[in-house]
Structure formats: C-alpha cells, structure tokens
Amino acid sequence: EAMGRLLSQYESFEDRQQIASAAMTRFGSSNPERGLELAQEIKDAQLRRIAISTLIHAWTRRDPEAAAAALAYVEDPSARQQLGFSVAMEMARQTPLAALAWAELKMLVGGESIEEMIDVNSQ
C-alpha cells in the first residue's frame, strides 16, 4: 500500500514511472527484499514490471545471486530472459564460477547441459 499511496500522488504515467524507478534503484542497493515487496504492491501491471526490472538491475550490482532468485517475480518471459542475461553478465564479472554454475543449472532445467550447448553451437 505504501508504494501505491506514493505513486497515486502523481497524475502522469511518466511521473509515476520516474518515482517508482528512483525508489527501486535506491531499494535495490540498500534493501532489495523490501523493494520487491513494495514493487509487488503496484497495481498497474506495466508500472509493476518496470519497477521490478529496475529493482533487479540495481540488486544485481549488490548481490547477483539473490537478484537471480528474484527473477521468478518477473511475469513477462521476454523481460525475465533479458534481465537474466544482465544478471548473468554481472555475476560473471563478480564471481565467474558462480555464474558458470548458475548457467549450467539453468541449462539443465531446460534439458541441455552446458557441454551439449557448446557442442551444438560449434557444429
């Protein structure tokens, strides 16, 4: 409710988007779990997607593994895939072995191992 009350003070979608993005950027670097709770309160689906995406981008710089877990809250598969790529890139920059393990897990869930992916792509 707190985020909804804050956003309801602004008439234009652009203003609400800027406020939500600024808040989620701040929460992403200081208290991302609370930010996720607040973002999920946003009733407007498009604004909620923007807020969660912004939060995950900021969260990724702080803790890419936790941000990766938060991808489950991204409703749009295309947005989840794009954010997943960003999370993986930051994870690879910070902790390459953790990124490799996460990528391997994602591929195994999809039915292919990393070795199969490499083999298919090299042919």
N, C-alpha and C. Protein backbone atom coordinates (compact mmCIF):
# COMPACT_ATOMS: atom_id res chain seq x y z
N GLU A 1 0.80 -1.21 0.00
CA GLU A 1 0.00 0.00 0.00
C GLU A 1 0.84 1.27 0.00
N ALA A 2 2.00 1.23 0.64
CA ALA A 2 2.83 2.44 0.75
C ALA A 2 3.25 2.93 -0.64
N MET A 3 3.67 2.03 -1.49
CA MET A 3 4.10 2.43 -2.83
C MET A 3 2.90 2.95 -3.63
N GLY A 4 1.77 2.30 -3.49
CA GLY A 4 0.57 2.75 -4.19
C GLY A 4 0.16 4.15 -3.77
N ARG A 5 0.24 4.44 -2.47
CA ARG A 5 -0.10 5.79 -1.99
C ARG A 5 0.87 6.82 -2.55
N LEU A 6 2.15 6.48 -2.56
CA LEU A 6 3.15 7.40 -3.09
C LEU A 6 2.88 7.69 -4.56
N LEU A 7 2.68 6.64 -5.34
CA LEU A 7 2.50 6.81 -6.79
C LEU A 7 1.18 7.51 -7.14
N SER A 8 0.17 7.32 -6.30
CA SER A 8 -1.13 7.93 -6.59
C SER A 8 -1.10 9.46 -6.49
N GLN A 9 -0.04 10.00 -5.94
CA GLN A 9 0.09 11.45 -5.84
C GLN A 9 0.46 12.10 -7.18
N TYR A 10 0.82 11.28 -8.16
CA TYR A 10 1.27 11.80 -9.44
C TYR A 10 0.28 11.43 -10.53
N GLU A 11 -0.05 12.39 -11.37
CA GLU A 11 -1.06 12.17 -12.40
C GLU A 11 -0.55 11.41 -13.61
N SER A 12 0.60 11.80 -14.12
CA SER A 12 1.06 11.19 -15.37
C SER A 12 1.79 9.87 -15.13
N PHE A 13 1.65 9.00 -16.11
CA PHE A 13 2.35 7.71 -16.04
C PHE A 13 3.86 7.94 -15.97
N GLU A 14 4.36 8.90 -16.74
CA GLU A 14 5.80 9.17 -16.76
C GLU A 14 6.31 9.58 -15.39
N ASP A 15 5.54 10.41 -14.68
CA ASP A 15 5.94 10.81 -13.33
C ASP A 15 5.95 9.61 -12.39
N ARG A 16 4.91 8.78 -12.47
CA ARG A 16 4.86 7.59 -11.61
C ARG A 16 6.00 6.64 -11.94
N GLN A 17 6.33 6.52 -13.22
CA GLN A 17 7.44 5.66 -13.64
C GLN A 17 8.77 6.17 -13.07
N GLN A 18 8.98 7.48 -13.16
CA GLN A 18 10.23 8.05 -12.64
C GLN A 18 10.35 7.86 -11.13
N ILE A 19 9.25 8.07 -10.41
CA ILE A 19 9.27 7.89 -8.96
C ILE A 19 9.51 6.43 -8.60
N ALA A 20 8.80 5.53 -9.26
CA ALA A 20 8.97 4.09 -8.98
C ALA A 20 10.39 3.65 -9.31
N SER A 21 10.93 4.10 -10.43
CA SER A 21 12.29 3.71 -10.82
C SER A 21 13.32 4.24 -9.82
N ALA A 22 13.16 5.49 -9.40
CA ALA A 22 14.09 6.07 -8.43
C ALA A 22 14.04 5.31 -7.11
N ALA A 23 12.82 4.99 -6.67
CA ALA A 23 12.67 4.25 -5.41
C ALA A 23 13.28 2.85 -5.52
N MET A 24 13.03 2.17 -6.64
CA MET A 24 13.54 0.81 -6.80
C MET A 24 15.07 0.78 -6.95
N THR A 25 15.62 1.81 -7.58
CA THR A 25 17.08 1.89 -7.67
C THR A 25 17.68 2.02 -6.27
N ARG A 26 17.06 2.86 -5.46
CA ARG A 26 17.54 3.04 -4.08
C ARG A 26 17.39 1.75 -3.28
N PHE A 27 16.21 1.13 -3.35
CA PHE A 27 15.99 -0.11 -2.61
C PHE A 27 16.89 -1.23 -3.12
N GLY A 28 17.14 -1.26 -4.42
CA GLY A 28 17.99 -2.31 -4.99
C GLY A 28 19.39 -2.31 -4.42
N SER A 29 19.87 -1.14 -4.04
CA SER A 29 21.22 -1.08 -3.49
C SER A 29 21.25 -1.07 -1.96
N SER A 30 20.08 -0.90 -1.32
CA SER A 30 20.09 -0.84 0.15
C SER A 30 19.26 -1.94 0.82
N ASN A 31 18.06 -2.19 0.31
CA ASN A 31 17.16 -3.17 0.93
C ASN A 31 16.29 -3.80 -0.16
N PRO A 32 16.88 -4.63 -1.02
CA PRO A 32 16.13 -5.14 -2.17
C PRO A 32 14.94 -6.01 -1.82
N GLU A 33 15.00 -6.72 -0.73
CA GLU A 33 13.86 -7.56 -0.35
C GLU A 33 12.64 -6.69 -0.07
N ARG A 34 12.84 -5.58 0.64
CA ARG A 34 11.73 -4.65 0.90
C ARG A 34 11.27 -3.99 -0.40
N GLY A 35 12.23 -3.68 -1.26
CA GLY A 35 11.88 -3.11 -2.56
C GLY A 35 11.00 -4.03 -3.36
N LEU A 36 11.29 -5.33 -3.31
CA LEU A 36 10.48 -6.30 -4.05
C LEU A 36 9.07 -6.35 -3.48
N GLU A 37 8.96 -6.31 -2.15
CA GLU A 37 7.63 -6.28 -1.53
C GLU A 37 6.84 -5.05 -2.01
N LEU A 38 7.50 -3.90 -2.02
CA LEU A 38 6.83 -2.67 -2.43
C LEU A 38 6.47 -2.70 -3.92
N ALA A 39 7.37 -3.21 -4.74
CA ALA A 39 7.10 -3.27 -6.18
C ALA A 39 5.90 -4.17 -6.47
N GLN A 40 5.77 -5.26 -5.73
CA GLN A 40 4.66 -6.18 -5.96
C GLN A 40 3.32 -5.56 -5.57
N GLU A 41 3.35 -4.50 -4.77
CA GLU A 41 2.11 -3.80 -4.39
C GLU A 41 1.54 -2.93 -5.51
N ILE A 42 2.36 -2.63 -6.51
CA ILE A 42 1.93 -1.71 -7.57
C ILE A 42 0.85 -2.39 -8.40
N LYS A 43 -0.30 -1.77 -8.48
CA LYS A 43 -1.44 -2.37 -9.17
C LYS A 43 -1.31 -2.33 -10.70
N ASP A 44 -0.78 -1.26 -11.25
CA ASP A 44 -0.61 -1.13 -12.70
C ASP A 44 0.46 -2.13 -13.16
N ALA A 45 0.06 -3.07 -14.02
CA ALA A 45 0.96 -4.15 -14.43
C ALA A 45 2.22 -3.64 -15.13
N GLN A 46 2.05 -2.66 -16.01
CA GLN A 46 3.21 -2.13 -16.74
C GLN A 46 4.17 -1.43 -15.78
N LEU A 47 3.64 -0.66 -14.88
CA LEU A 47 4.47 0.04 -13.90
C LEU A 47 5.14 -0.95 -12.94
N ARG A 48 4.43 -2.01 -12.56
CA ARG A 48 5.00 -3.05 -11.70
C ARG A 48 6.18 -3.73 -12.40
N ARG A 49 6.01 -4.03 -13.71
CA ARG A 49 7.11 -4.66 -14.47
C ARG A 49 8.33 -3.74 -14.51
N ILE A 50 8.10 -2.48 -14.75
CA ILE A 50 9.21 -1.52 -14.80
C ILE A 50 9.91 -1.44 -13.44
N ALA A 51 9.11 -1.37 -12.39
CA ALA A 51 9.68 -1.27 -11.04
C ALA A 51 10.50 -2.50 -10.69
N ILE A 52 9.98 -3.69 -10.97
CA ILE A 52 10.71 -4.92 -10.65
C ILE A 52 11.98 -5.03 -11.48
N SER A 53 11.90 -4.66 -12.75
CA SER A 53 13.09 -4.70 -13.61
C SER A 53 14.17 -3.74 -13.09
N THR A 54 13.75 -2.54 -12.73
CA THR A 54 14.70 -1.55 -12.20
C THR A 54 15.32 -2.06 -10.92
N LEU A 55 14.51 -2.63 -10.05
CA LEU A 55 14.99 -3.17 -8.79
C LEU A 55 16.03 -4.27 -9.04
N ILE A 56 15.72 -5.19 -9.94
CA ILE A 56 16.64 -6.31 -10.19
C ILE A 56 17.95 -5.81 -10.79
N HIS A 57 17.90 -4.82 -11.66
CA HIS A 57 19.14 -4.25 -12.20
C HIS A 57 20.01 -3.70 -11.07
N ALA A 58 19.42 -2.95 -10.17
CA ALA A 58 20.18 -2.38 -9.05
C ALA A 58 20.64 -3.48 -8.09
N TRP A 59 19.78 -4.44 -7.84
CA TRP A 59 20.07 -5.54 -6.93
C TRP A 59 21.24 -6.36 -7.46
N THR A 60 21.31 -6.51 -8.76
CA THR A 60 22.36 -7.32 -9.39
C THR A 60 23.74 -6.79 -9.04
N ARG A 61 23.89 -5.49 -8.98
CA ARG A 61 25.20 -4.92 -8.63
C ARG A 61 25.57 -5.23 -7.18
N ARG A 62 24.57 -5.37 -6.34
CA ARG A 62 24.80 -5.63 -4.91
C ARG A 62 25.00 -7.13 -4.64
N ASP A 63 24.12 -7.94 -5.20
CA ASP A 63 24.15 -9.39 -4.91
C ASP A 63 23.52 -10.12 -6.10
N PRO A 64 24.33 -10.45 -7.11
CA PRO A 64 23.76 -11.06 -8.32
C PRO A 64 23.05 -12.39 -8.09
N GLU A 65 23.51 -13.18 -7.13
CA GLU A 65 22.85 -14.47 -6.89
C GLU A 65 21.45 -14.28 -6.32
N ALA A 66 21.29 -13.34 -5.40
CA ALA A 66 19.95 -13.05 -4.86
C ALA A 66 19.07 -12.44 -5.93
N ALA A 67 19.65 -11.58 -6.76
CA ALA A 67 18.88 -10.98 -7.86
C ALA A 67 18.41 -12.06 -8.83
N ALA A 68 19.26 -13.06 -9.06
CA ALA A 68 18.88 -14.16 -9.95
C ALA A 68 17.66 -14.89 -9.40
N ALA A 69 17.62 -15.08 -8.10
CA ALA A 69 16.46 -15.75 -7.48
C ALA A 69 15.20 -14.89 -7.64
N ALA A 70 15.36 -13.58 -7.62
CA ALA A 70 14.21 -12.68 -7.74
C ALA A 70 13.63 -12.66 -9.15
N LEU A 71 14.35 -13.21 -10.12
CA LEU A 71 13.83 -13.25 -11.49
C LEU A 71 12.50 -13.99 -11.58
N ALA A 72 12.23 -14.85 -10.63
CA ALA A 72 10.96 -15.58 -10.61
C ALA A 72 9.76 -14.64 -10.51
N TYR A 73 9.98 -13.42 -10.03
CA TYR A 73 8.89 -12.47 -9.88
C TYR A 73 8.64 -11.64 -11.14
N VAL A 74 9.45 -11.86 -12.16
CA VAL A 74 9.27 -11.14 -13.42
C VAL A 74 8.27 -11.93 -14.24
N GLU A 75 7.09 -11.36 -14.47
CA GLU A 75 5.99 -12.08 -15.11
C GLU A 75 6.21 -12.30 -16.61
N ASP A 76 6.77 -11.33 -17.29
CA ASP A 76 6.95 -11.39 -18.73
C ASP A 76 8.18 -12.24 -19.08
N PRO A 77 8.00 -13.35 -19.82
CA PRO A 77 9.13 -14.23 -20.14
C PRO A 77 10.26 -13.53 -20.89
N SER A 78 9.91 -12.63 -21.79
CA SER A 78 10.94 -11.91 -22.54
C SER A 78 11.75 -11.00 -21.62
N ALA A 79 11.08 -10.28 -20.75
CA ALA A 79 11.77 -9.41 -19.79
C ALA A 79 12.61 -10.24 -18.83
N ARG A 80 12.08 -11.39 -18.39
CA ARG A 80 12.83 -12.27 -17.49
C ARG A 80 14.11 -12.75 -18.16
N GLN A 81 14.01 -13.08 -19.45
CA GLN A 81 15.19 -13.55 -20.19
C GLN A 81 16.22 -12.42 -20.31
N GLN A 82 15.77 -11.22 -20.65
CA GLN A 82 16.69 -10.08 -20.75
C GLN A 82 17.36 -9.78 -19.42
N LEU A 83 16.56 -9.75 -18.36
CA LEU A 83 17.13 -9.50 -17.03
C LEU A 83 18.06 -10.62 -16.62
N GLY A 84 17.70 -11.85 -16.97
CA GLY A 84 18.56 -12.99 -16.65
C GLY A 84 19.93 -12.84 -17.30
N PHE A 85 19.95 -12.35 -18.53
CA PHE A 85 21.21 -12.12 -19.21
C PHE A 85 22.03 -11.06 -18.47
N SER A 86 21.38 -9.98 -18.06
CA SER A 86 22.08 -8.93 -17.31
C SER A 86 22.62 -9.45 -15.99
N VAL A 87 21.80 -10.24 -15.29
CA VAL A 87 22.23 -10.82 -14.02
C VAL A 87 23.44 -11.74 -14.26
N ALA A 88 23.36 -12.56 -15.29
CA ALA A 88 24.45 -13.49 -15.58
C ALA A 88 25.74 -12.75 -15.91
N MET A 89 25.64 -11.66 -16.67
CA MET A 89 26.83 -10.89 -17.01
C MET A 89 27.48 -10.28 -15.76
N GLU A 90 26.67 -9.73 -14.88
CA GLU A 90 27.21 -9.14 -13.65
C GLU A 90 27.76 -10.23 -12.74
N MET A 91 27.07 -11.37 -12.69
CA MET A 91 27.54 -12.48 -11.88
C MET A 91 28.90 -12.97 -12.41
N ALA A 92 29.03 -13.05 -13.73
CA ALA A 92 30.28 -13.49 -14.34
C ALA A 92 31.40 -12.49 -14.03
N ARG A 93 31.07 -11.22 -14.00
CA ARG A 93 32.08 -10.21 -13.69
C ARG A 93 32.54 -10.32 -12.24
N GLN A 94 31.59 -10.56 -11.33
CA GLN A 94 31.93 -10.59 -9.90
C GLN A 94 32.45 -11.95 -9.44
N THR A 95 31.75 -13.01 -9.85
CA THR A 95 32.10 -14.36 -9.39
C THR A 95 31.93 -15.34 -10.54
N PRO A 96 32.94 -15.49 -11.38
CA PRO A 96 32.81 -16.32 -12.59
C PRO A 96 32.36 -17.76 -12.33
N LEU A 97 32.87 -18.38 -11.27
CA LEU A 97 32.48 -19.77 -11.01
C LEU A 97 31.01 -19.89 -10.63
N ALA A 98 30.51 -18.93 -9.86
CA ALA A 98 29.09 -18.95 -9.50
C ALA A 98 28.23 -18.74 -10.74
N ALA A 99 28.69 -17.88 -11.65
CA ALA A 99 27.95 -17.64 -12.89
C ALA A 99 27.90 -18.90 -13.74
N LEU A 100 29.01 -19.61 -13.82
CA LEU A 100 29.04 -20.85 -14.60
C LEU A 100 28.09 -21.88 -13.99
N ALA A 101 28.11 -22.01 -12.67
CA ALA A 101 27.22 -22.96 -12.00
C ALA A 101 25.75 -22.59 -12.24
N TRP A 102 25.44 -21.30 -12.16
CA TRP A 102 24.06 -20.85 -12.38
C TRP A 102 23.64 -21.11 -13.82
N ALA A 103 24.53 -20.83 -14.77
CA ALA A 103 24.22 -21.06 -16.18
C ALA A 103 24.01 -22.55 -16.44
N GLU A 104 24.84 -23.38 -15.84
CA GLU A 104 24.70 -24.82 -16.02
C GLU A 104 23.36 -25.30 -15.45
N LEU A 105 23.00 -24.80 -14.29
CA LEU A 105 21.72 -25.17 -13.69
C LEU A 105 20.56 -24.75 -14.59
N LYS A 106 20.60 -23.54 -15.12
CA LYS A 106 19.53 -23.06 -15.99
C LYS A 106 19.43 -23.95 -17.23
N MET A 107 20.55 -24.37 -17.77
CA MET A 107 20.52 -25.21 -18.97
C MET A 107 20.01 -26.61 -18.64
N LEU A 108 20.38 -27.13 -17.48
CA LEU A 108 19.91 -28.46 -17.10
C LEU A 108 18.40 -28.45 -16.89
N VAL A 109 17.90 -27.39 -16.32
CA VAL A 109 16.46 -27.27 -16.14
C VAL A 109 15.78 -27.26 -17.51
N GLY A 110 16.44 -26.65 -18.48
CA GLY A 110 15.92 -26.60 -19.84
C GLY A 110 16.17 -27.89 -20.61
N GLY A 111 16.90 -28.82 -20.01
CA GLY A 111 17.11 -30.12 -20.64
C GLY A 111 18.43 -30.28 -21.37
N GLU A 112 19.27 -29.27 -21.36
CA GLU A 112 20.55 -29.38 -22.04
C GLU A 112 21.67 -29.04 -21.07
N SER A 113 22.75 -29.77 -21.14
CA SER A 113 23.91 -29.43 -20.32
C SER A 113 24.73 -28.39 -21.06
N ILE A 114 25.64 -27.77 -20.35
CA ILE A 114 26.49 -26.77 -20.98
C ILE A 114 27.35 -27.40 -22.07
N GLU A 115 27.77 -28.65 -21.86
CA GLU A 115 28.57 -29.35 -22.87
C GLU A 115 27.77 -29.56 -24.15
N GLU A 116 26.49 -29.92 -24.01
CA GLU A 116 25.63 -30.10 -25.18
C GLU A 116 25.42 -28.79 -25.92
N MET A 117 25.26 -27.70 -25.17
CA MET A 117 25.08 -26.41 -25.80
C MET A 117 26.32 -26.02 -26.60
N ILE A 118 27.50 -26.24 -26.01
CA ILE A 118 28.75 -25.90 -26.69
C ILE A 118 28.91 -26.77 -27.94
N ASP A 119 28.62 -28.06 -27.81
CA ASP A 119 28.78 -28.99 -28.91
C ASP A 119 27.84 -28.63 -30.07
N VAL A 120 26.60 -28.31 -29.74
CA VAL A 120 25.62 -27.95 -30.78
C VAL A 120 26.02 -26.66 -31.47
N ASN A 121 26.50 -25.70 -30.69
CA ASN A 121 26.86 -24.40 -31.25
C ASN A 121 28.15 -24.44 -32.04
N SER A 122 29.00 -25.45 -31.83
CA SER A 122 30.27 -25.50 -32.55
C SER A 122 30.14 -26.26 -33.88
N GLN A 123 29.01 -26.86 -34.14
CA GLN A 123 28.85 -27.63 -35.38
C GLN A 123 28.42 -26.76 -36.52
